[in-house]
Full PDB file with SEQRES, HELIX, SHEET, SSBOND, CRYST1, ORIGX, SCALE, CONECT and MASTER records, all heavy atoms in Angstrom:
SEQRES   1 A   31  LEU ASN GLY GLY GLY ARG ILE SER GLU GLN THR ARG GLN          
SEQRES   2 A   31  LYS VAL LEU GLN ALA ALA GLU ARG VAL GLY TYR ILE PRO          
SEQRES   3 A   31  SER VAL SER ALA ARG                                          
HELIX    1 AA1 GLU A    9  VAL A   22  1                                  14    
CRYST1    1.000    1.000    1.000  90.00  90.00  90.00 P 1           1          
ORIGX1      1.000000  0.000000  0.000000        0.00000                         
ORIGX2      0.000000  1.000000  0.000000        0.00000                         
ORIGX3      0.000000  0.000000  1.000000        0.00000                         
SCALE1      1.000000  0.000000  0.000000        0.00000                         
SCALE2      0.000000  1.000000  0.000000        0.00000                         
SCALE3      0.000000  0.000000  1.000000        0.00000                         
ATOM      1  N   LEU A   1       0.810  -1.220   0.000  1.00  0.00           N  
ATOM      2  CA  LEU A   1       0.000   0.000   0.000  1.00  0.00           C  
ATOM      3  C   LEU A   1       0.844   1.271   0.000  1.00  0.00           C  
ATOM      4  O   LEU A   1       0.449   2.284  -0.578  1.00  0.00           O  
ATOM      5  CB  LEU A   1      -0.943   0.012   1.209  1.00  0.00           C  
ATOM      6  CG  LEU A   1      -2.072  -1.024   1.171  1.00  0.00           C  
ATOM      7  CD1 LEU A   1      -2.720  -1.155   2.540  1.00  0.00           C  
ATOM      8  CD2 LEU A   1      -3.102  -0.646   0.115  1.00  0.00           C  
ATOM      9  N   ASN A   2       2.018   1.214   0.675  1.00  0.00           N  
ATOM     10  CA  ASN A   2       2.789   2.458   0.777  1.00  0.00           C  
ATOM     11  C   ASN A   2       4.004   2.499  -0.145  1.00  0.00           C  
ATOM     12  O   ASN A   2       4.776   3.457  -0.120  1.00  0.00           O  
ATOM     13  CB  ASN A   2       3.230   2.711   2.225  1.00  0.00           C  
ATOM     14  CG  ASN A   2       4.163   1.642   2.764  1.00  0.00           C  
ATOM     15  OD1 ASN A   2       4.943   1.068   2.020  1.00  0.00           O  
ATOM     16  ND2 ASN A   2       4.089   1.386   4.067  1.00  0.00           N  
ATOM     17  N   GLY A   3       4.173   1.447  -0.967  1.00  0.00           N  
ATOM     18  CA  GLY A   3       5.252   1.464  -1.952  1.00  0.00           C  
ATOM     19  C   GLY A   3       6.603   1.066  -1.406  1.00  0.00           C  
ATOM     20  O   GLY A   3       7.622   1.250  -2.082  1.00  0.00           O  
ATOM     21  N   GLY A   4       6.661   0.533  -0.184  1.00  0.00           N  
ATOM     22  CA  GLY A   4       7.930   0.143   0.406  1.00  0.00           C  
ATOM     23  C   GLY A   4       8.221  -1.329   0.198  1.00  0.00           C  
ATOM     24  O   GLY A   4       7.384  -2.103  -0.256  1.00  0.00           O  
ATOM     25  N   GLY A   5       9.430  -1.732   0.583  1.00  0.00           N  
ATOM     26  CA  GLY A   5       9.791  -3.148   0.561  1.00  0.00           C  
ATOM     27  C   GLY A   5       9.943  -3.712  -0.846  1.00  0.00           C  
ATOM     28  O   GLY A   5       9.670  -3.055  -1.848  1.00  0.00           O  
ATOM     29  N   ARG A   6      10.397  -4.959  -0.899  1.00  0.00           N  
ATOM     30  CA  ARG A   6      10.571  -5.643  -2.183  1.00  0.00           C  
ATOM     31  C   ARG A   6       9.347  -6.511  -2.441  1.00  0.00           C  
ATOM     32  O   ARG A   6       9.340  -7.715  -2.134  1.00  0.00           O  
ATOM     33  CB  ARG A   6      11.840  -6.483  -2.162  1.00  0.00           C  
ATOM     34  CG  ARG A   6      13.107  -5.644  -2.017  1.00  0.00           C  
ATOM     35  CD  ARG A   6      14.337  -6.522  -2.032  1.00  0.00           C  
ATOM     36  NE  ARG A   6      15.556  -5.729  -1.957  1.00  0.00           N  
ATOM     37  CZ  ARG A   6      16.792  -6.243  -1.938  1.00  0.00           C  
ATOM     38  NH1 ARG A   6      16.953  -7.570  -2.000  1.00  0.00           N  
ATOM     39  NH2 ARG A   6      17.848  -5.461  -1.851  1.00  0.00           N  
ATOM     40  N   ILE A   7       8.329  -5.903  -2.994  1.00  0.00           N  
ATOM     41  CA  ILE A   7       7.059  -6.582  -3.248  1.00  0.00           C  
ATOM     42  C   ILE A   7       6.883  -6.705  -4.760  1.00  0.00           C  
ATOM     43  O   ILE A   7       7.049  -5.723  -5.495  1.00  0.00           O  
ATOM     44  CB  ILE A   7       5.869  -5.805  -2.640  1.00  0.00           C  
ATOM     45  CG1 ILE A   7       6.107  -5.541  -1.156  1.00  0.00           C  
ATOM     46  CG2 ILE A   7       4.564  -6.549  -2.865  1.00  0.00           C  
ATOM     47  CD1 ILE A   7       6.205  -6.779  -0.289  1.00  0.00           C  
ATOM     48  N   SER A   8       6.536  -7.879  -5.230  1.00  0.00           N  
ATOM     49  CA  SER A   8       6.312  -8.046  -6.663  1.00  0.00           C  
ATOM     50  C   SER A   8       5.072  -7.264  -7.087  1.00  0.00           C  
ATOM     51  O   SER A   8       4.170  -7.012  -6.286  1.00  0.00           O  
ATOM     52  CB  SER A   8       6.122  -9.525  -7.000  1.00  0.00           C  
ATOM     53  OG  SER A   8       4.874 -10.000  -6.503  1.00  0.00           O  
ATOM     54  N   GLU A   9       5.052  -6.894  -8.356  1.00  0.00           N  
ATOM     55  CA  GLU A   9       3.910  -6.131  -8.866  1.00  0.00           C  
ATOM     56  C   GLU A   9       2.635  -6.965  -8.788  1.00  0.00           C  
ATOM     57  O   GLU A   9       1.547  -6.435  -8.537  1.00  0.00           O  
ATOM     58  CB  GLU A   9       4.170  -5.695 -10.308  1.00  0.00           C  
ATOM     59  CG  GLU A   9       3.080  -4.813 -10.901  1.00  0.00           C  
ATOM     60  CD  GLU A   9       2.877  -3.521 -10.111  1.00  0.00           C  
ATOM     61  OE1 GLU A   9       3.833  -3.050  -9.463  1.00  0.00           O  
ATOM     62  OE2 GLU A   9       1.729  -2.991 -10.132  1.00  0.00           O  
ATOM     63  N   GLN A  10       2.743  -8.264  -8.979  1.00  0.00           N  
ATOM     64  CA  GLN A  10       1.572  -9.141  -8.895  1.00  0.00           C  
ATOM     65  C   GLN A  10       0.982  -9.127  -7.476  1.00  0.00           C  
ATOM     66  O   GLN A  10      -0.235  -9.015  -7.297  1.00  0.00           O  
ATOM     67  CB  GLN A  10       1.963 -10.572  -9.279  1.00  0.00           C  
ATOM     68  CG  GLN A  10       0.787 -11.550  -9.247  1.00  0.00           C  
ATOM     69  CD  GLN A  10       1.213 -12.962  -9.651  1.00  0.00           C  
ATOM     70  OE1 GLN A  10       2.392 -13.228  -9.898  1.00  0.00           O  
ATOM     71  NE2 GLN A  10       0.263 -13.871  -9.714  1.00  0.00           N  
ATOM     72  N   THR A  11       1.854  -9.199  -6.466  1.00  0.00           N  
ATOM     73  CA  THR A  11       1.377  -9.165  -5.078  1.00  0.00           C  
ATOM     74  C   THR A  11       0.795  -7.785  -4.741  1.00  0.00           C  
ATOM     75  O   THR A  11      -0.233  -7.679  -4.077  1.00  0.00           O  
ATOM     76  CB  THR A  11       2.537  -9.488  -4.110  1.00  0.00           C  
ATOM     77  OG1 THR A  11       3.024 -10.790  -4.386  1.00  0.00           O  
ATOM     78  CG2 THR A  11       2.081  -9.414  -2.666  1.00  0.00           C  
ATOM     79  N   ARG A  12       1.487  -6.744  -5.213  1.00  0.00           N  
ATOM     80  CA  ARG A  12       1.001  -5.388  -4.951  1.00  0.00           C  
ATOM     81  C   ARG A  12      -0.407  -5.193  -5.501  1.00  0.00           C  
ATOM     82  O   ARG A  12      -1.296  -4.661  -4.831  1.00  0.00           O  
ATOM     83  CB  ARG A  12       1.951  -4.358  -5.563  1.00  0.00           C  
ATOM     84  CG  ARG A  12       1.664  -2.913  -5.132  1.00  0.00           C  
ATOM     85  CD  ARG A  12       2.568  -1.917  -5.860  1.00  0.00           C  
ATOM     86  NE  ARG A  12       3.976  -2.311  -5.801  1.00  0.00           N  
ATOM     87  CZ  ARG A  12       4.765  -2.076  -4.760  1.00  0.00           C  
ATOM     88  NH1 ARG A  12       4.288  -1.452  -3.687  1.00  0.00           N  
ATOM     89  NH2 ARG A  12       6.032  -2.459  -4.786  1.00  0.00           N  
ATOM     90  N   GLN A  13      -0.649  -5.629  -6.727  1.00  0.00           N  
ATOM     91  CA  GLN A  13      -1.968  -5.485  -7.329  1.00  0.00           C  
ATOM     92  C   GLN A  13      -3.011  -6.314  -6.586  1.00  0.00           C  
ATOM     93  O   GLN A  13      -4.166  -5.898  -6.423  1.00  0.00           O  
ATOM     94  CB  GLN A  13      -1.925  -5.899  -8.804  1.00  0.00           C  
ATOM     95  CG  GLN A  13      -1.162  -4.926  -9.690  1.00  0.00           C  
ATOM     96  CD  GLN A  13      -1.720  -3.521  -9.623  1.00  0.00           C  
ATOM     97  OE1 GLN A  13      -2.948  -3.326  -9.610  1.00  0.00           O  
ATOM     98  NE2 GLN A  13      -0.832  -2.529  -9.555  1.00  0.00           N  
ATOM     99  N   LYS A  14      -2.615  -7.477  -6.100  1.00  0.00           N  
ATOM    100  CA  LYS A  14      -3.510  -8.332  -5.324  1.00  0.00           C  
ATOM    101  C   LYS A  14      -3.962  -7.616  -4.053  1.00  0.00           C  
ATOM    102  O   LYS A  14      -5.147  -7.628  -3.685  1.00  0.00           O  
ATOM    103  CB  LYS A  14      -2.783  -9.626  -4.979  1.00  0.00           C  
ATOM    104  CG  LYS A  14      -3.624 -10.672  -4.258  1.00  0.00           C  
ATOM    105  CD  LYS A  14      -2.780 -11.919  -4.017  1.00  0.00           C  
ATOM    106  CE  LYS A  14      -3.593 -12.988  -3.291  1.00  0.00           C  
ATOM    107  NZ  LYS A  14      -2.773 -14.197  -3.014  1.00  0.00           N  
ATOM    108  N   VAL A  15      -3.012  -6.947  -3.396  1.00  0.00           N  
ATOM    109  CA  VAL A  15      -3.334  -6.205  -2.166  1.00  0.00           C  
ATOM    110  C   VAL A  15      -4.192  -4.985  -2.484  1.00  0.00           C  
ATOM    111  O   VAL A  15      -5.170  -4.698  -1.785  1.00  0.00           O  
ATOM    112  CB  VAL A  15      -2.040  -5.789  -1.434  1.00  0.00           C  
ATOM    113  CG1 VAL A  15      -2.365  -4.854  -0.262  1.00  0.00           C  
ATOM    114  CG2 VAL A  15      -1.292  -7.023  -0.934  1.00  0.00           C  
ATOM    115  N   LEU A  16      -3.850  -4.272  -3.518  1.00  0.00           N  
ATOM    116  CA  LEU A  16      -4.620  -3.084  -3.884  1.00  0.00           C  
ATOM    117  C   LEU A  16      -6.060  -3.446  -4.233  1.00  0.00           C  
ATOM    118  O   LEU A  16      -6.999  -2.730  -3.888  1.00  0.00           O  
ATOM    119  CB  LEU A  16      -3.950  -2.359  -5.060  1.00  0.00           C  
ATOM    120  CG  LEU A  16      -2.594  -1.701  -4.764  1.00  0.00           C  
ATOM    121  CD1 LEU A  16      -1.997  -1.123  -6.047  1.00  0.00           C  
ATOM    122  CD2 LEU A  16      -2.722  -0.616  -3.710  1.00  0.00           C  
ATOM    123  N   GLN A  17      -6.247  -4.531  -4.939  1.00  0.00           N  
ATOM    124  CA  GLN A  17      -7.606  -4.980  -5.280  1.00  0.00           C  
ATOM    125  C   GLN A  17      -8.383  -5.378  -4.031  1.00  0.00           C  
ATOM    126  O   GLN A  17      -9.573  -5.101  -3.903  1.00  0.00           O  
ATOM    127  CB  GLN A  17      -7.532  -6.134  -6.269  1.00  0.00           C  
ATOM    128  CG  GLN A  17      -7.044  -5.730  -7.655  1.00  0.00           C  
ATOM    129  CD  GLN A  17      -6.683  -6.904  -8.523  1.00  0.00           C  
ATOM    130  OE1 GLN A  17      -7.008  -8.058  -8.201  1.00  0.00           O  
ATOM    131  NE2 GLN A  17      -5.990  -6.640  -9.638  1.00  0.00           N  
ATOM    132  N   ALA A  18      -7.698  -6.035  -3.080  1.00  0.00           N  
ATOM    133  CA  ALA A  18      -8.349  -6.393  -1.816  1.00  0.00           C  
ATOM    134  C   ALA A  18      -8.735  -5.142  -1.035  1.00  0.00           C  
ATOM    135  O   ALA A  18      -9.823  -5.067  -0.444  1.00  0.00           O  
ATOM    136  CB  ALA A  18      -7.417  -7.280  -0.987  1.00  0.00           C  
ATOM    137  N   ALA A  19      -7.847  -4.154  -1.035  1.00  0.00           N  
ATOM    138  CA  ALA A  19      -8.135  -2.898  -0.325  1.00  0.00           C  
ATOM    139  C   ALA A  19      -9.361  -2.216  -0.915  1.00  0.00           C  
ATOM    140  O   ALA A  19     -10.204  -1.665  -0.192  1.00  0.00           O  
ATOM    141  CB  ALA A  19      -6.920  -1.971  -0.405  1.00  0.00           C  
ATOM    142  N   GLU A  20      -9.466  -2.258  -2.236  1.00  0.00           N  
ATOM    143  CA  GLU A  20     -10.628  -1.650  -2.896  1.00  0.00           C  
ATOM    144  C   GLU A  20     -11.915  -2.392  -2.541  1.00  0.00           C  
ATOM    145  O   GLU A  20     -12.954  -1.784  -2.306  1.00  0.00           O  
ATOM    146  CB  GLU A  20     -10.412  -1.633  -4.404  1.00  0.00           C  
ATOM    147  CG  GLU A  20     -11.515  -0.905  -5.162  1.00  0.00           C  
ATOM    148  CD  GLU A  20     -11.228  -0.819  -6.648  1.00  0.00           C  
ATOM    149  OE1 GLU A  20     -10.131  -1.228  -7.074  1.00  0.00           O  
ATOM    150  OE2 GLU A  20     -12.115  -0.339  -7.383  1.00  0.00           O  
ATOM    151  N   ARG A  21     -11.839  -3.725  -2.473  1.00  0.00           N  
ATOM    152  CA  ARG A  21     -13.029  -4.512  -2.143  1.00  0.00           C  
ATOM    153  C   ARG A  21     -13.554  -4.210  -0.738  1.00  0.00           C  
ATOM    154  O   ARG A  21     -14.753  -4.119  -0.520  1.00  0.00           O  
ATOM    155  CB  ARG A  21     -12.715  -6.018  -2.257  1.00  0.00           C  
ATOM    156  CG  ARG A  21     -12.607  -6.528  -3.662  1.00  0.00           C  
ATOM    157  CD  ARG A  21     -12.704  -8.050  -3.704  1.00  0.00           C  
ATOM    158  NE  ARG A  21     -11.667  -8.714  -2.925  1.00  0.00           N  
ATOM    159  CZ  ARG A  21     -10.456  -9.025  -3.384  1.00  0.00           C  
ATOM    160  NH1 ARG A  21     -10.128  -8.705  -4.631  1.00  0.00           N  
ATOM    161  NH2 ARG A  21      -9.592  -9.639  -2.606  1.00  0.00           N  
ATOM    162  N   VAL A  22     -12.640  -4.038   0.210  1.00  0.00           N  
ATOM    163  CA  VAL A  22     -13.075  -3.821   1.600  1.00  0.00           C  
ATOM    164  C   VAL A  22     -13.227  -2.338   1.933  1.00  0.00           C  
ATOM    165  O   VAL A  22     -13.603  -1.982   3.048  1.00  0.00           O  
ATOM    166  CB  VAL A  22     -12.099  -4.482   2.599  1.00  0.00           C  
ATOM    167  CG1 VAL A  22     -12.008  -5.973   2.347  1.00  0.00           C  
ATOM    168  CG2 VAL A  22     -10.714  -3.840   2.541  1.00  0.00           C  
ATOM    169  N   GLY A  23     -12.930  -1.460   0.964  1.00  0.00           N  
ATOM    170  CA  GLY A  23     -13.086  -0.030   1.204  1.00  0.00           C  
ATOM    171  C   GLY A  23     -12.039   0.541   2.142  1.00  0.00           C  
ATOM    172  O   GLY A  23     -12.307   1.466   2.918  1.00  0.00           O  
ATOM    173  N   TYR A  24     -10.807   0.032   2.064  1.00  0.00           N  
ATOM    174  CA  TYR A  24      -9.750   0.488   2.968  1.00  0.00           C  
ATOM    175  C   TYR A  24      -9.306   1.901   2.615  1.00  0.00           C  
ATOM    176  O   TYR A  24      -9.066   2.224   1.447  1.00  0.00           O  
ATOM    177  CB  TYR A  24      -8.541  -0.450   2.890  1.00  0.00           C  
ATOM    178  CG  TYR A  24      -7.335   0.087   3.629  1.00  0.00           C  
ATOM    179  CD1 TYR A  24      -7.281   0.047   5.016  1.00  0.00           C  
ATOM    180  CD2 TYR A  24      -6.268   0.651   2.943  1.00  0.00           C  
ATOM    181  CE1 TYR A  24      -6.192   0.554   5.701  1.00  0.00           C  
ATOM    182  CE2 TYR A  24      -5.172   1.158   3.613  1.00  0.00           C  
ATOM    183  CZ  TYR A  24      -5.138   1.113   4.992  1.00  0.00           C  
ATOM    184  OH  TYR A  24      -4.072   1.629   5.666  1.00  0.00           O  
ATOM    185  N   ILE A  25      -9.184   2.758   3.640  1.00  0.00           N  
ATOM    186  CA  ILE A  25      -8.651   4.109   3.495  1.00  0.00           C  
ATOM    187  C   ILE A  25      -7.510   4.267   4.490  1.00  0.00           C  
ATOM    188  O   ILE A  25      -7.696   4.026   5.685  1.00  0.00           O  
ATOM    189  CB  ILE A  25      -9.732   5.175   3.778  1.00  0.00           C  
ATOM    190  CG1 ILE A  25     -10.881   5.041   2.766  1.00  0.00           C  
ATOM    191  CG2 ILE A  25      -9.140   6.577   3.704  1.00  0.00           C  
ATOM    192  CD1 ILE A  25     -12.050   5.945   3.070  1.00  0.00           C  
ATOM    193  N   PRO A  26      -6.314   4.644   4.044  1.00  0.00           N  
ATOM    194  CA  PRO A  26      -5.184   4.758   4.970  1.00  0.00           C  
ATOM    195  C   PRO A  26      -5.403   5.848   6.006  1.00  0.00           C  
ATOM    196  O   PRO A  26      -6.046   6.859   5.738  1.00  0.00           O  
ATOM    197  CB  PRO A  26      -3.992   5.088   4.053  1.00  0.00           C  
ATOM    198  CG  PRO A  26      -4.600   5.645   2.816  1.00  0.00           C  
ATOM    199  CD  PRO A  26      -5.917   4.972   2.653  1.00  0.00           C  
ATOM    200  N   SER A  27      -4.868   5.652   7.193  1.00  0.00           N  
ATOM    201  CA  SER A  27      -4.956   6.624   8.287  1.00  0.00           C  
ATOM    202  C   SER A  27      -3.807   7.612   8.170  1.00  0.00           C  
ATOM    203  O   SER A  27      -2.637   7.243   8.298  1.00  0.00           O  
ATOM    204  CB  SER A  27      -4.900   5.916   9.639  1.00  0.00           C  
ATOM    205  OG  SER A  27      -4.706   6.856  10.674  1.00  0.00           O  
ATOM    206  N   VAL A  28      -4.150   8.887   7.914  1.00  0.00           N  
ATOM    207  CA  VAL A  28      -3.119   9.910   7.793  1.00  0.00           C  
ATOM    208  C   VAL A  28      -2.376  10.086   9.104  1.00  0.00           C  
ATOM    209  O   VAL A  28      -1.151  10.219   9.153  1.00  0.00           O  
ATOM    210  CB  VAL A  28      -3.746  11.246   7.343  1.00  0.00           C  
ATOM    211  CG1 VAL A  28      -2.687  12.331   7.283  1.00  0.00           C  
ATOM    212  CG2 VAL A  28      -4.402  11.083   5.981  1.00  0.00           C  
ATOM    213  N   SER A  29      -3.113  10.088  10.230  1.00  0.00           N  
ATOM    214  CA  SER A  29      -2.475  10.285  11.529  1.00  0.00           C  
ATOM    215  C   SER A  29      -1.540   9.124  11.864  1.00  0.00           C  
ATOM    216  O   SER A  29      -0.459   9.312  12.423  1.00  0.00           O  
ATOM    217  CB  SER A  29      -3.529  10.435  12.620  1.00  0.00           C  
ATOM    218  OG  SER A  29      -4.383   9.314  12.662  1.00  0.00           O  
ATOM    219  N   ALA A  30      -1.947   7.888  11.515  1.00  0.00           N  
ATOM    220  CA  ALA A  30      -1.081   6.735  11.768  1.00  0.00           C  
ATOM    221  C   ALA A  30       0.204   6.827  10.955  1.00  0.00           C  
ATOM    222  O   ALA A  30       1.292   6.512  11.447  1.00  0.00           O  
ATOM    223  CB  ALA A  30      -1.824   5.444  11.441  1.00  0.00           C  
ATOM    224  N   ARG A  31       0.094   7.278   9.726  1.00  0.00           N  
ATOM    225  CA  ARG A  31       1.292   7.446   8.904  1.00  0.00           C  
ATOM    226  C   ARG A  31       2.217   8.487   9.514  1.00  0.00           C  
ATOM    227  O   ARG A  31       3.438   8.356   9.484  1.00  0.00           O  
ATOM    228  CB  ARG A  31       0.902   7.849   7.476  1.00  0.00           C  
ATOM    229  CG  ARG A  31       0.330   6.692   6.663  1.00  0.00           C  
ATOM    230  CD  ARG A  31       0.051   7.092   5.234  1.00  0.00           C  
ATOM    231  NE  ARG A  31      -0.215   5.913   4.418  1.00  0.00           N  
ATOM    232  CZ  ARG A  31      -0.431   5.950   3.108  1.00  0.00           C  
ATOM    233  NH1 ARG A  31      -0.431   7.108   2.478  1.00  0.00           N  
ATOM    234  NH2 ARG A  31      -0.661   4.840   2.427  1.00  0.00           N  
TER     235      ARG A  31                                                      
MASTER        0    0    0    1    0    0    0    6  234    1    0    3          
END                                                                             
């Protein structure tokens, strides 16, 4: 989600699609 680490593009897209399905919004204060 935040573009860090050595994550494959396939895994990144899998996570992004999951985030969209569950309506995830990052916490600005937590960041």
